[in-house]
Protein backbone atom coordinates (compact mmCIF):
# COMPACT_ATOMS: atom_id res chain seq x y z
CA MET A 1 88.32 104.72 112.19
CA SER A 2 84.80 104.14 113.50
CA LEU A 3 82.23 106.82 114.29
CA ASP A 4 78.90 106.10 115.97
CA LEU A 5 76.50 109.04 116.38
CA SER A 6 73.34 106.95 116.43
CA SER A 7 70.20 107.58 118.47
CA ASN A 8 70.60 111.29 118.99
CA ASN A 9 68.45 114.22 117.94
CA PHE A 10 70.60 115.60 115.13
CA VAL A 11 68.58 117.51 112.54
CA GLY A 12 69.13 119.00 109.11
CA GLN A 13 71.34 117.64 106.38
CA ILE A 14 74.14 115.21 107.11
CA PRO A 15 77.35 117.26 107.51
CA TRP A 16 79.18 115.30 104.82
CA SER A 17 82.07 117.78 104.65
CA PHE A 18 82.99 116.83 108.23
CA PHE A 19 82.87 113.07 107.59
CA LEU A 20 84.75 113.35 104.32
CA ASN A 21 87.71 114.92 106.12
CA LEU A 22 88.12 111.91 108.39
CA GLU A 23 90.92 109.71 107.09
CA SER A 24 90.34 105.97 106.93
CA LEU A 25 86.70 106.18 108.00
CA ALA A 26 85.57 102.55 107.88
CA TYR A 27 82.42 102.59 110.03
CA LEU A 28 79.80 105.36 110.07
CA ASN A 29 76.59 104.96 112.09
CA LEU A 30 74.03 107.78 111.99
CA VAL A 31 70.97 105.63 112.76
CA GLY A 32 67.97 107.10 114.55
CA ASN A 33 68.45 110.80 114.06
CA ASN A 34 66.41 113.35 112.12
CA PHE A 35 68.69 113.93 109.15
CA VAL A 36 66.98 115.03 105.93
CA GLY A 37 67.93 115.50 102.31
CA GLN A 38 69.72 113.66 99.56
CA PHE A 39 73.26 112.47 98.94
CA PRO A 40 75.24 115.45 97.58
CA GLU A 41 77.51 114.99 94.58
CA GLU A 42 80.57 116.04 96.63
CA VAL A 43 80.42 112.73 98.50
CA ARG A 44 80.90 110.76 95.28
CA ASN A 45 84.25 112.36 94.53
CA SER A 46 85.75 111.91 97.99
CA THR A 47 88.60 109.45 98.39
CA SER A 48 87.94 109.04 102.11
CA ILE A 49 84.54 107.43 101.52
CA SER A 50 86.17 104.61 99.55
CA SER A 51 87.44 103.10 102.82
CA LEU A 52 83.91 102.68 104.25
CA THR A 53 83.05 99.08 105.10
CA VAL A 54 79.87 99.84 107.08
CA LEU A 55 77.41 102.67 106.42
CA TYR A 56 74.28 102.88 108.60
CA LEU A 57 71.88 105.70 107.80
CA ASN A 58 68.69 103.94 108.91
CA GLU A 59 65.77 105.66 110.62
CA ASN A 60 66.26 109.17 109.35
CA GLN A 61 64.28 111.24 106.83
CA LEU A 62 66.67 110.92 103.88
CA ASN A 63 65.03 111.08 100.47
CA GLY A 64 65.55 111.14 96.74
CA THR A 65 67.31 108.46 94.77
CA ILE A 66 69.98 106.12 96.10
CA PRO A 67 72.93 107.29 93.97
CA SER A 68 74.92 105.11 91.59
CA TRP A 69 78.30 105.63 93.27
CA LEU A 70 76.99 104.12 96.51
CA GLY A 71 76.66 100.70 94.90
CA SER A 72 80.25 100.67 93.75
CA LEU A 73 82.19 101.61 96.88
CA PRO A 74 85.09 99.13 96.79
CA SER A 75 85.23 98.21 100.50
CA LEU A 76 81.56 98.49 101.45
CA GLU A 77 80.27 95.32 103.14
CA TRP A 78 77.19 96.57 104.97
CA LEU A 79 74.76 99.20 103.65
CA GLY A 80 71.81 100.12 105.86
CA LEU A 81 69.40 102.69 104.43
CA GLU A 82 66.13 101.30 105.80
CA SER A 83 63.34 103.40 107.27
CA ASN A 84 63.95 106.55 105.26
CA GLN A 85 62.06 108.18 102.39
CA PHE A 86 64.16 107.05 99.40
CA SER A 87 62.04 106.80 96.25
CA GLY A 88 64.36 105.20 93.72
CA ILE A 89 67.53 103.25 93.13
CA ASP A 90 69.79 104.86 90.55
CA THR A 91 72.50 102.29 90.80
CA GLU A 92 73.85 99.08 89.48
CA PHE A 93 75.44 97.40 92.48
CA GLN A 94 79.02 96.55 91.56
CA SER A 95 80.72 96.34 94.93
CA ARG A 96 82.05 92.78 95.12
CA SER A 97 82.58 93.22 98.86
CA LEU A 98 78.89 93.97 99.63
CA LYS A 99 77.43 91.33 101.98
CA TYR A 100 74.43 92.99 103.63
CA LEU A 101 71.97 95.29 101.86
CA TYR A 102 69.07 96.81 103.81
CA LEU A 103 66.74 99.07 101.82
CA ASN A 104 63.46 98.08 103.44
CA ASP A 105 60.77 100.49 104.61
CA ASN A 106 61.36 103.25 102.10
CA LYS A 107 59.29 104.41 99.13
CA LEU A 108 61.31 102.63 96.47
CA HIS A 109 59.43 101.94 93.26
CA GLY A 110 60.16 100.30 89.93
CA PRO A 111 61.99 97.03 89.31
CA ILE A 112 64.56 95.47 91.61
CA PRO A 113 67.99 96.16 90.08
CA ARG A 114 69.29 92.97 88.44
CA SER A 115 72.78 93.65 89.68
CA ILE A 116 71.81 92.99 93.31
CA PHE A 117 71.41 89.27 92.76
CA ALA A 118 74.62 88.95 90.77
CA LEU A 119 76.85 89.95 93.69
CA ASP A 120 78.95 86.93 94.69
CA ASN A 121 79.33 87.71 98.39
CA LEU A 122 75.84 89.01 99.12
CA MET A 123 74.40 87.24 102.17
CA ALA A 124 71.31 89.29 103.12
CA VAL A 125 68.89 91.47 101.14
CA GLU A 126 65.96 93.30 102.70
CA LEU A 127 63.71 95.15 100.27
CA ALA A 128 60.44 94.76 102.20
CA SER A 129 57.81 97.47 102.59
CA ASN A 130 58.49 99.43 99.44
CA GLN A 131 56.60 99.83 96.16
CA LEU A 132 58.88 97.64 94.05
CA SER A 133 57.20 96.04 91.07
CA SER A 134 58.09 93.53 88.36
CA ASN A 135 59.05 89.89 88.34
CA ILE A 136 61.65 88.54 90.71
CA ILE A 137 64.73 87.96 88.62
CA LYS A 138 67.06 84.97 88.53
CA PHE A 139 69.54 84.73 91.38
CA GLN A 140 73.21 84.21 90.64
CA SER A 141 74.60 84.66 94.14
CA ARG A 142 75.22 81.35 95.91
CA SER A 143 76.01 82.99 99.25
CA LEU A 144 72.55 84.51 99.82
CA LEU A 145 71.11 83.43 103.18
CA TRP A 146 68.35 85.98 103.80
CA LEU A 147 65.84 87.53 101.42
CA ASP A 148 62.91 89.71 102.46
CA LEU A 149 60.67 90.97 99.65
CA ARG A 150 57.34 91.20 101.48
CA ASP A 151 54.95 94.12 101.14
CA ASN A 152 55.85 95.14 97.60
CA LYS A 153 54.02 94.88 94.28
CA LEU A 154 55.95 91.97 92.82
CA ASP A 155 54.24 89.58 90.43
CA GLY A 156 54.89 86.72 88.09
CA MET A 157 56.45 83.38 88.89
CA ILE A 158 58.95 82.69 91.63
CA PRO A 159 62.18 81.85 89.79
CA ARG A 160 63.64 78.38 90.15
CA SER A 161 66.90 79.93 91.32
CA ILE A 162 65.21 80.78 94.65
CA TYR A 163 64.37 77.13 95.24
CA GLU A 164 67.93 76.16 94.38
CA GLN A 165 69.36 78.37 97.11
CA VAL A 166 70.15 75.66 99.65
CA ASN A 167 70.80 78.02 102.57
CA LEU A 168 68.19 80.66 101.80
CA GLY A 169 65.56 81.52 104.41
CA LEU A 170 62.81 83.12 102.31
CA LEU A 171 60.38 85.20 104.34
CA ASP A 172 56.68 85.02 103.61
CA HIS A 173 55.79 86.89 100.46
CA PRO A 174 52.51 86.41 98.66
CA ILE A 175 53.24 86.56 94.95
CA THR A 176 50.24 86.70 92.65
């Protein structure tokens, strides 16, 4: 089942209880609304969310920490949380199906989770325009095609594993 409620004027918290009652929900698009708040714990324990392959929550006013269970949804291929107010990542990404990860334009701070670059099928990562700091870690994913780390507070040396990514299109990022 697919549900697209993007580009409306919905306000308040996301009505998770409604979405969690939809069987076999594979695609949920809530982009461009005015939803606020954090991910409630009730979402974590729902069996219906495990069938999600695409979750778009971009361009809302969601905040808090990106929860740990979100990075381990077994079928999730595309996670779009950009242009919100998230401040942290409380997750080790374990979903082997994850291909596209968009967390840019939030208020994320701290180091980039190491687990992101260990995902075998990951093709695109956008972490631009946050407050992420630390060194860029070694890449293990050979499928990565797109990496955007600009406008953060990264430092140190660019790891050799970036240069070894044959298909990678690295966007401009001044690293000091």
